[in-house]
Amino acid sequence: MAFRTGLLGACIGFAVAKALPDLLPEAGAALRPITKELIKGGLTLADSLKQLVAEGQEHLSDLVAEVQYERSALAAAAAEPHVSTLNGTSPGPHTSGPRESSRADN
């Protein structure tokens, strides 16, 4: 909204500065400094708004990067196998503990 106001002021100032000297030479000379100040204000406002938007984008980008890192860390933690220890030892990757013989094997 502020950018539009500044841009509108700059456009109005430009139009006045361009048309008024032809229509009323005395008024054009008197309004020229005012018109220049309006244009300066519009440009200053536009520069400030650009800087504000750039800073906002940087902060948002940082937040997105943090969330992506946290999500990948959580996904990596969830993908790790939970190893239960029994007497300080952990079973191998394909073992499920001691194997009991079935009666059919006897």
C-alpha atoms as a PDB file:
ATOM      1  CA  MET A   1       0.000   0.000   0.000  1.00  0.00           C
ATOM      2  CA  ALA A   2       2.804   2.427   0.885  1.00  0.00           C
ATOM      3  CA  PHE A   3       4.603   1.585  -2.363  1.00  0.00           C
ATOM      4  CA  ARG A   4       1.495   2.477  -4.368  1.00  0.00           C
ATOM      5  CA  THR A   5       1.177   5.784  -2.509  1.00  0.00           C
ATOM      6  CA  GLY A   6       4.821   6.639  -3.197  1.00  0.00           C
ATOM      7  CA  LEU A   7       4.543   5.597  -6.820  1.00  0.00           C
ATOM      8  CA  LEU A   8       1.346   7.578  -7.217  1.00  0.00           C
ATOM      9  CA  GLY A   9       3.030  10.641  -5.705  1.00  0.00           C
ATOM     10  CA  ALA A  10       5.981  10.250  -8.062  1.00  0.00           C
ATOM     11  CA  CYS A  11       3.672   9.919 -11.083  1.00  0.00           C
ATOM     12  CA  ILE A  12       1.599  12.928 -10.084  1.00  0.00           C
ATOM     13  CA  GLY A  13       4.739  14.943  -9.464  1.00  0.00           C
ATOM     14  CA  PHE A  14       6.116  13.994 -12.857  1.00  0.00           C
ATOM     15  CA  ALA A  15       2.864  14.864 -14.623  1.00  0.00           C
ATOM     16  CA  VAL A  16       2.617  18.221 -12.861  1.00  0.00           C
ATOM     17  CA  ALA A  17       6.258  19.040 -13.569  1.00  0.00           C
ATOM     18  CA  LYS A  18       5.796  18.178 -17.233  1.00  0.00           C
ATOM     19  CA  ALA A  19       2.459  19.897 -17.935  1.00  0.00           C
ATOM     20  CA  LEU A  20       2.370  22.937 -15.687  1.00  0.00           C
ATOM     21  CA  PRO A  21       5.237  24.965 -17.203  1.00  0.00           C
ATOM     22  CA  ASP A  22       3.462  24.923 -20.554  1.00  0.00           C
ATOM     23  CA  LEU A  23       0.081  25.908 -19.097  1.00  0.00           C
ATOM     24  CA  LEU A  24       1.151  28.443 -16.471  1.00  0.00           C
ATOM     25  CA  PRO A  25       4.835  29.378 -16.709  1.00  0.00           C
ATOM     26  CA  GLU A  26       4.827  31.270 -13.386  1.00  0.00           C
ATOM     27  CA  ALA A  27       3.076  28.483 -11.471  1.00  0.00           C
ATOM     28  CA  GLY A  28       5.333  25.868 -13.051  1.00  0.00           C
ATOM     29  CA  ALA A  29       8.443  27.669 -11.836  1.00  0.00           C
ATOM     30  CA  ALA A  30       7.007  27.980  -8.316  1.00  0.00           C
ATOM     31  CA  LEU A  31       5.846  24.356  -8.131  1.00  0.00           C
ATOM     32  CA  ARG A  32       9.004  22.816  -9.567  1.00  0.00           C
ATOM     33  CA  PRO A  33      10.807  22.510  -6.200  1.00  0.00           C
ATOM     34  CA  ILE A  34       7.691  21.031  -4.594  1.00  0.00           C
ATOM     35  CA  THR A  35       7.350  18.560  -7.451  1.00  0.00           C
ATOM     36  CA  LYS A  36      10.984  17.541  -7.097  1.00  0.00           C
ATOM     37  CA  GLU A  37      10.488  16.927  -3.380  1.00  0.00           C
ATOM     38  CA  LEU A  38       7.432  14.772  -4.112  1.00  0.00           C
ATOM     39  CA  ILE A  39       9.459  12.709  -6.547  1.00  0.00           C
ATOM     40  CA  LYS A  40      12.340  12.412  -4.062  1.00  0.00           C
ATOM     41  CA  GLY A  41       9.910  11.268  -1.384  1.00  0.00           C
ATOM     42  CA  GLY A  42       8.382   8.686  -3.707  1.00  0.00           C
ATOM     43  CA  LEU A  43      11.798   7.323  -4.651  1.00  0.00           C
ATOM     44  CA  THR A  44      12.931   7.230  -1.019  1.00  0.00           C
ATOM     45  CA  LEU A  45       9.778   5.385  -0.053  1.00  0.00           C
ATOM     46  CA  ALA A  46      10.247   2.896  -2.894  1.00  0.00           C
ATOM     47  CA  ASP A  47      13.870   2.247  -1.834  1.00  0.00           C
ATOM     48  CA  SER A  48      12.824   1.745   1.794  1.00  0.00           C
ATOM     49  CA  LEU A  49      10.091  -0.647   0.781  1.00  0.00           C
ATOM     50  CA  LYS A  50      12.487  -2.660  -1.402  1.00  0.00           C
ATOM     51  CA  GLN A  51      14.880  -2.998   1.534  1.00  0.00           C
ATOM     52  CA  LEU A  52      12.066  -4.023   3.880  1.00  0.00           C
ATOM     53  CA  VAL A  53      10.828  -6.679   1.450  1.00  0.00           C
ATOM     54  CA  ALA A  54      14.369  -8.012   0.935  1.00  0.00           C
ATOM     55  CA  GLU A  55      14.891  -8.329   4.699  1.00  0.00           C
ATOM     56  CA  GLY A  56      11.526 -10.058   5.071  1.00  0.00           C
ATOM     57  CA  GLN A  57      12.423 -12.515   2.324  1.00  0.00           C
ATOM     58  CA  GLU A  58      15.750 -13.236   4.012  1.00  0.00           C
ATOM     59  CA  HIS A  59      14.078 -13.932   7.358  1.00  0.00           C
ATOM     60  CA  LEU A  60      11.487 -16.152   5.712  1.00  0.00           C
ATOM     61  CA  SER A  61      14.183 -18.018   3.798  1.00  0.00           C
ATOM     62  CA  ASP A  62      16.077 -18.609   7.060  1.00  0.00           C
ATOM     63  CA  LEU A  63      12.942 -19.955   8.728  1.00  0.00           C
ATOM     64  CA  VAL A  64      12.231 -22.286   5.811  1.00  0.00           C
ATOM     65  CA  ALA A  65      15.811 -23.607   5.928  1.00  0.00           C
ATOM     66  CA  GLU A  66      15.551 -24.231   9.677  1.00  0.00           C
ATOM     67  CA  VAL A  67      12.263 -26.099   9.327  1.00  0.00           C
ATOM     68  CA  GLN A  68      13.628 -28.205   6.462  1.00  0.00           C
ATOM     69  CA  TYR A  69      16.687 -29.101   8.537  1.00  0.00           C
ATOM     70  CA  GLU A  70      14.544 -30.042  11.541  1.00  0.00           C
ATOM     71  CA  ARG A  71      12.247 -32.163   9.376  1.00  0.00           C
ATOM     72  CA  SER A  72      15.184 -34.010   7.814  1.00  0.00           C
ATOM     73  CA  ALA A  73      16.733 -34.579  11.257  1.00  0.00           C
ATOM     74  CA  LEU A  74      13.442 -35.996  12.559  1.00  0.00           C
ATOM     75  CA  ALA A  75      13.082 -38.205   9.492  1.00  0.00           C
ATOM     76  CA  ALA A  76      16.634 -39.502   9.916  1.00  0.00           C
ATOM     77  CA  ALA A  77      16.015 -40.221  13.590  1.00  0.00           C
ATOM     78  CA  ALA A  78      12.797 -42.055  12.776  1.00  0.00           C
ATOM     79  CA  ALA A  79      14.542 -44.127  10.105  1.00  0.00           C
ATOM     80  CA  GLU A  80      17.233 -45.384  12.487  1.00  0.00           C
ATOM     81  CA  PRO A  81      16.441 -48.858  13.854  1.00  0.00           C
ATOM     82  CA  HIS A  82      15.735 -49.001  17.544  1.00  0.00           C
ATOM     83  CA  VAL A  83      18.178 -51.536  18.958  1.00  0.00           C
ATOM     84  CA  SER A  84      17.238 -53.142  22.241  1.00  0.00           C
ATOM     85  CA  THR A  85      20.073 -54.271  24.420  1.00  0.00           C
ATOM     86  CA  LEU A  86      20.028 -57.460  26.421  1.00  0.00           C
ATOM     87  CA  ASN A  87      22.823 -57.909  28.957  1.00  0.00           C
ATOM     88  CA  GLY A  88      24.774 -55.123  27.287  1.00  0.00           C
ATOM     89  CA  THR A  89      24.803 -56.800  23.878  1.00  0.00           C
ATOM     90  CA  SER A  90      22.716 -56.027  20.883  1.00  0.00           C
ATOM     91  CA  PRO A  91      21.418 -58.605  18.456  1.00  0.00           C
ATOM     92  CA  GLY A  92      22.836 -58.691  14.935  1.00  0.00           C
ATOM     93  CA  PRO A  93      20.872 -57.315  12.036  1.00  0.00           C
ATOM     94  CA  HIS A  94      19.214 -60.625  11.113  1.00  0.00           C
ATOM     95  CA  THR A  95      18.933 -62.314  14.483  1.00  0.00           C
ATOM     96  CA  SER A  96      15.855 -62.240  16.582  1.00  0.00           C
ATOM     97  CA  GLY A  97      17.326 -63.748  19.722  1.00  0.00           C
ATOM     98  CA  PRO A  98      17.975 -67.394  20.667  1.00  0.00           C
ATOM     99  CA  ARG A  99      16.423 -69.923  18.366  1.00  0.00           C
ATOM    100  CA  GLU A 100      14.317 -72.586  19.926  1.00  0.00           C
ATOM    101  CA  SER A 101      14.114 -75.945  18.292  1.00  0.00           C
ATOM    102  CA  SER A 102      10.692 -77.052  17.351  1.00  0.00           C
ATOM    103  CA  ARG A 103       9.339 -80.498  18.110  1.00  0.00           C
ATOM    104  CA  ALA A 104       9.105 -81.297  14.425  1.00  0.00           C
ATOM    105  CA  ASP A 105      12.915 -81.046  14.159  1.00  0.00           C
ATOM    106  CA  ASN A 106      13.371 -83.842  16.718  1.00  0.00           C
END
